[in-house]
Amino acid sequence: MAIVKSNLLKQLSKNYPNFLKKDLEKFMNIIFEEIKRSLKRGERVELRGFGIFSSKLQKARISRNPKTNEKIDTPERKTINFKMSKDLFKILNNEKK
């Protein structure tokens, strides 16, 4: 099951009952927007214990359509790169810290 924003908000409101749900939603939106802005500016975002998000520039290239073998010019674009932390790696692989 994937974690969607609404489920994350429900879990946060359950764990922090003293905060209003709308305040938690604003807080979550601020965090996600700031991550987006940082990546757009080309900065990296490091969440300790979780991982690092960074944007990479993918060069322009000539690719092909696998159905028709037609050559297509693919323009230069930015992609997001994620590198998990050692702590997250250990948790995923059931290793002790």
N, C-alpha and C. Protein backbone atom coordinates (compact mmCIF):
# COMPACT_ATOMS: atom_id res chain seq x y z
N MET A 1 0.83 -1.19 0.00
CA MET A 1 0.00 0.00 0.00
C MET A 1 0.87 1.25 0.00
N ALA A 2 0.56 2.17 -0.85
CA ALA A 2 1.30 3.42 -0.94
C ALA A 2 0.80 4.40 0.12
N ILE A 3 1.70 5.25 0.55
CA ILE A 3 1.30 6.30 1.48
C ILE A 3 0.88 7.51 0.66
N VAL A 4 -0.35 7.94 0.86
CA VAL A 4 -0.84 9.14 0.19
C VAL A 4 -0.92 10.25 1.23
N LYS A 5 -1.00 11.47 0.73
CA LYS A 5 -0.97 12.64 1.61
C LYS A 5 -2.08 12.59 2.66
N SER A 6 -3.28 12.15 2.28
CA SER A 6 -4.40 12.11 3.22
C SER A 6 -4.14 11.10 4.34
N ASN A 7 -3.55 9.95 4.02
CA ASN A 7 -3.24 8.96 5.05
C ASN A 7 -2.14 9.47 5.99
N LEU A 8 -1.19 10.17 5.43
CA LEU A 8 -0.12 10.76 6.25
C LEU A 8 -0.71 11.79 7.21
N LEU A 9 -1.65 12.58 6.72
CA LEU A 9 -2.31 13.59 7.55
C LEU A 9 -3.11 12.93 8.67
N LYS A 10 -3.81 11.84 8.36
CA LYS A 10 -4.58 11.12 9.38
C LYS A 10 -3.64 10.59 10.47
N GLN A 11 -2.51 10.02 10.06
CA GLN A 11 -1.56 9.48 11.02
C GLN A 11 -0.97 10.58 11.90
N LEU A 12 -0.65 11.72 11.29
CA LEU A 12 -0.13 12.85 12.07
C LEU A 12 -1.15 13.36 13.07
N SER A 13 -2.41 13.47 12.64
CA SER A 13 -3.45 13.96 13.56
C SER A 13 -3.72 12.96 14.68
N LYS A 14 -3.54 11.68 14.39
CA LYS A 14 -3.70 10.66 15.43
C LYS A 14 -2.55 10.72 16.44
N ASN A 15 -1.33 10.94 15.94
CA ASN A 15 -0.17 11.00 16.82
C ASN A 15 -0.07 12.31 17.59
N TYR A 16 -0.62 13.38 17.02
CA TYR A 16 -0.55 14.70 17.66
C TYR A 16 -1.97 15.27 17.79
N PRO A 17 -2.75 14.76 18.74
CA PRO A 17 -4.15 15.19 18.87
C PRO A 17 -4.30 16.64 19.32
N ASN A 18 -3.27 17.25 19.89
CA ASN A 18 -3.37 18.63 20.36
C ASN A 18 -3.34 19.65 19.22
N PHE A 19 -2.88 19.24 18.03
CA PHE A 19 -2.82 20.12 16.88
C PHE A 19 -4.09 19.98 16.05
N LEU A 20 -4.56 21.08 15.52
CA LEU A 20 -5.72 21.03 14.63
C LEU A 20 -5.31 20.39 13.30
N LYS A 21 -6.24 19.68 12.70
CA LYS A 21 -5.95 18.98 11.45
C LYS A 21 -5.55 19.97 10.34
N LYS A 22 -6.21 21.12 10.30
CA LYS A 22 -5.90 22.12 9.27
C LYS A 22 -4.50 22.70 9.45
N ASP A 23 -4.05 22.82 10.72
CA ASP A 23 -2.69 23.30 10.98
C ASP A 23 -1.65 22.28 10.54
N LEU A 24 -1.94 21.00 10.80
CA LEU A 24 -1.03 19.95 10.36
C LEU A 24 -0.95 19.89 8.84
N GLU A 25 -2.09 20.12 8.19
CA GLU A 25 -2.11 20.11 6.72
C GLU A 25 -1.30 21.28 6.17
N LYS A 26 -1.42 22.46 6.77
CA LYS A 26 -0.63 23.62 6.35
C LYS A 26 0.86 23.34 6.54
N PHE A 27 1.20 22.76 7.67
CA PHE A 27 2.59 22.42 7.97
C PHE A 27 3.16 21.46 6.93
N MET A 28 2.37 20.43 6.61
CA MET A 28 2.79 19.45 5.61
C MET A 28 2.97 20.10 4.24
N ASN A 29 2.03 20.95 3.86
CA ASN A 29 2.11 21.63 2.57
C ASN A 29 3.32 22.55 2.49
N ILE A 30 3.64 23.23 3.58
CA ILE A 30 4.82 24.10 3.62
C ILE A 30 6.08 23.29 3.40
N ILE A 31 6.18 22.15 4.06
CA ILE A 31 7.36 21.29 3.92
C ILE A 31 7.50 20.81 2.48
N PHE A 32 6.42 20.29 1.89
CA PHE A 32 6.49 19.79 0.52
C PHE A 32 6.80 20.89 -0.48
N GLU A 33 6.21 22.07 -0.29
CA GLU A 33 6.48 23.19 -1.20
C GLU A 33 7.93 23.64 -1.11
N GLU A 34 8.48 23.65 0.10
CA GLU A 34 9.87 24.07 0.27
C GLU A 34 10.82 23.05 -0.37
N ILE A 35 10.50 21.77 -0.27
CA ILE A 35 11.30 20.74 -0.94
C ILE A 35 11.25 20.95 -2.45
N LYS A 36 10.06 21.21 -2.99
CA LYS A 36 9.92 21.44 -4.43
C LYS A 36 10.72 22.65 -4.88
N ARG A 37 10.61 23.77 -4.12
CA ARG A 37 11.34 24.99 -4.49
C ARG A 37 12.84 24.77 -4.46
N SER A 38 13.32 24.07 -3.44
CA SER A 38 14.76 23.82 -3.32
C SER A 38 15.27 22.98 -4.49
N LEU A 39 14.52 21.94 -4.86
CA LEU A 39 14.92 21.10 -5.98
C LEU A 39 14.89 21.88 -7.30
N LYS A 40 13.91 22.76 -7.44
CA LYS A 40 13.82 23.57 -8.65
C LYS A 40 15.01 24.52 -8.77
N ARG A 41 15.50 25.04 -7.63
CA ARG A 41 16.67 25.92 -7.62
C ARG A 41 17.98 25.16 -7.81
N GLY A 42 17.91 23.83 -7.82
CA GLY A 42 19.11 23.02 -8.00
C GLY A 42 19.81 22.67 -6.70
N GLU A 43 19.17 22.95 -5.57
CA GLU A 43 19.75 22.64 -4.27
C GLU A 43 19.36 21.21 -3.87
N ARG A 44 20.15 20.64 -2.98
CA ARG A 44 19.80 19.31 -2.49
C ARG A 44 19.06 19.43 -1.17
N VAL A 45 18.20 18.46 -0.90
CA VAL A 45 17.40 18.44 0.32
C VAL A 45 17.80 17.20 1.10
N GLU A 46 18.31 17.42 2.31
CA GLU A 46 18.76 16.31 3.14
C GLU A 46 17.83 16.17 4.34
N LEU A 47 17.22 15.01 4.47
CA LEU A 47 16.38 14.68 5.61
C LEU A 47 17.13 13.61 6.40
N ARG A 48 17.75 14.03 7.48
CA ARG A 48 18.61 13.11 8.26
C ARG A 48 17.83 11.88 8.69
N GLY A 49 18.46 10.73 8.52
CA GLY A 49 17.83 9.47 8.88
C GLY A 49 16.90 8.93 7.81
N PHE A 50 16.66 9.72 6.76
CA PHE A 50 15.77 9.28 5.68
C PHE A 50 16.49 9.23 4.35
N GLY A 51 17.03 10.37 3.90
CA GLY A 51 17.76 10.35 2.64
C GLY A 51 17.98 11.74 2.08
N ILE A 52 18.52 11.78 0.87
CA ILE A 52 18.86 13.03 0.20
C ILE A 52 18.17 13.07 -1.16
N PHE A 53 17.46 14.16 -1.41
CA PHE A 53 16.87 14.43 -2.72
C PHE A 53 17.75 15.45 -3.42
N SER A 54 18.04 15.22 -4.68
CA SER A 54 18.79 16.20 -5.46
C SER A 54 18.26 16.18 -6.89
N SER A 55 18.43 17.32 -7.58
CA SER A 55 17.99 17.36 -8.97
C SER A 55 19.20 17.18 -9.87
N LYS A 56 18.99 16.49 -10.96
CA LYS A 56 20.04 16.20 -11.92
C LYS A 56 19.59 16.67 -13.29
N LEU A 57 20.52 17.12 -14.09
CA LEU A 57 20.20 17.54 -15.44
C LEU A 57 20.44 16.38 -16.38
N GLN A 58 19.39 15.95 -17.07
CA GLN A 58 19.52 14.86 -18.04
C GLN A 58 19.77 15.50 -19.41
N LYS A 59 20.85 15.13 -20.05
CA LYS A 59 21.23 15.73 -21.32
C LYS A 59 20.23 15.43 -22.42
N ALA A 60 20.19 16.32 -23.40
CA ALA A 60 19.35 16.10 -24.58
C ALA A 60 19.94 14.92 -25.36
N ARG A 61 19.06 14.12 -25.95
CA ARG A 61 19.55 12.95 -26.67
C ARG A 61 18.56 12.57 -27.76
N ILE A 62 19.00 11.66 -28.59
CA ILE A 62 18.12 11.12 -29.61
C ILE A 62 17.71 9.73 -29.14
N SER A 63 16.42 9.54 -28.93
CA SER A 63 15.91 8.23 -28.50
C SER A 63 15.05 7.66 -29.62
N ARG A 64 14.51 6.49 -29.41
CA ARG A 64 13.68 5.90 -30.45
C ARG A 64 12.40 5.33 -29.85
N ASN A 65 11.37 5.34 -30.65
CA ASN A 65 10.10 4.74 -30.28
C ASN A 65 10.23 3.24 -30.50
N PRO A 66 10.08 2.41 -29.45
CA PRO A 66 10.28 0.96 -29.62
C PRO A 66 9.28 0.29 -30.56
N LYS A 67 8.09 0.86 -30.71
CA LYS A 67 7.09 0.27 -31.60
C LYS A 67 7.43 0.49 -33.06
N THR A 68 7.81 1.73 -33.38
CA THR A 68 8.00 2.08 -34.79
C THR A 68 9.47 2.26 -35.19
N ASN A 69 10.38 2.21 -34.22
CA ASN A 69 11.81 2.47 -34.43
C ASN A 69 12.07 3.89 -34.95
N GLU A 70 11.10 4.77 -34.78
CA GLU A 70 11.25 6.16 -35.22
C GLU A 70 12.16 6.91 -34.23
N LYS A 71 13.10 7.69 -34.76
CA LYS A 71 13.99 8.47 -33.90
C LYS A 71 13.28 9.72 -33.41
N ILE A 72 13.45 10.01 -32.12
CA ILE A 72 12.79 11.15 -31.49
C ILE A 72 13.84 11.97 -30.76
N ASP A 73 13.79 13.29 -30.92
CA ASP A 73 14.67 14.17 -30.16
C ASP A 73 14.08 14.36 -28.77
N THR A 74 14.82 13.96 -27.75
CA THR A 74 14.39 14.15 -26.37
C THR A 74 15.14 15.36 -25.82
N PRO A 75 14.42 16.40 -25.39
CA PRO A 75 15.10 17.61 -24.92
C PRO A 75 15.75 17.42 -23.55
N GLU A 76 16.61 18.36 -23.20
CA GLU A 76 17.26 18.36 -21.89
C GLU A 76 16.18 18.60 -20.82
N ARG A 77 16.30 17.90 -19.68
CA ARG A 77 15.31 18.07 -18.61
C ARG A 77 15.93 17.72 -17.26
N LYS A 78 15.27 18.16 -16.23
CA LYS A 78 15.72 17.87 -14.86
C LYS A 78 15.00 16.63 -14.35
N THR A 79 15.72 15.82 -13.59
CA THR A 79 15.13 14.66 -12.93
C THR A 79 15.49 14.71 -11.46
N ILE A 80 14.78 13.95 -10.65
CA ILE A 80 15.06 13.91 -9.21
C ILE A 80 15.80 12.63 -8.89
N ASN A 81 16.85 12.77 -8.11
CA ASN A 81 17.65 11.65 -7.67
C ASN A 81 17.46 11.51 -6.16
N PHE A 82 17.28 10.28 -5.67
CA PHE A 82 17.11 10.04 -4.23
C PHE A 82 18.15 9.03 -3.77
N LYS A 83 18.84 9.36 -2.70
CA LYS A 83 19.79 8.43 -2.09
C LYS A 83 19.38 8.23 -0.65
N MET A 84 19.06 7.00 -0.29
CA MET A 84 18.60 6.74 1.07
C MET A 84 19.75 6.79 2.06
N SER A 85 19.42 7.09 3.31
CA SER A 85 20.43 7.14 4.37
C SER A 85 20.80 5.72 4.80
N LYS A 86 21.91 5.62 5.49
CA LYS A 86 22.34 4.32 5.99
C LYS A 86 21.34 3.76 6.99
N ASP A 87 20.75 4.66 7.80
CA ASP A 87 19.75 4.21 8.78
C ASP A 87 18.54 3.59 8.09
N LEU A 88 18.04 4.24 7.05
CA LEU A 88 16.89 3.70 6.31
C LEU A 88 17.26 2.39 5.62
N PHE A 89 18.48 2.32 5.08
CA PHE A 89 18.94 1.09 4.44
C PHE A 89 18.93 -0.07 5.44
N LYS A 90 19.42 0.19 6.64
CA LYS A 90 19.43 -0.86 7.67
C LYS A 90 18.04 -1.28 8.09
N ILE A 91 17.13 -0.32 8.18
CA ILE A 91 15.74 -0.63 8.55
C ILE A 91 15.10 -1.49 7.45
N LEU A 92 15.31 -1.12 6.20
CA LEU A 92 14.72 -1.89 5.09
C LEU A 92 15.27 -3.30 4.99
N ASN A 93 16.51 -3.48 5.39
CA ASN A 93 17.14 -4.78 5.28
C ASN A 93 17.20 -5.54 6.61
N ASN A 94 16.41 -5.09 7.57
CA ASN A 94 16.31 -5.75 8.88
C ASN A 94 17.65 -5.95 9.56
N GLU A 95 18.51 -4.96 9.45
CA GLU A 95 19.80 -5.01 10.13
C GLU A 95 19.73 -4.17 11.40
N LYS A 96 20.54 -4.51 12.37
CA LYS A 96 20.59 -3.73 13.60
C LYS A 96 21.50 -2.54 13.40
N LYS A 97 21.18 -1.44 14.08
CA LYS A 97 22.00 -0.22 13.97
C LYS A 97 23.34 -0.40 14.63
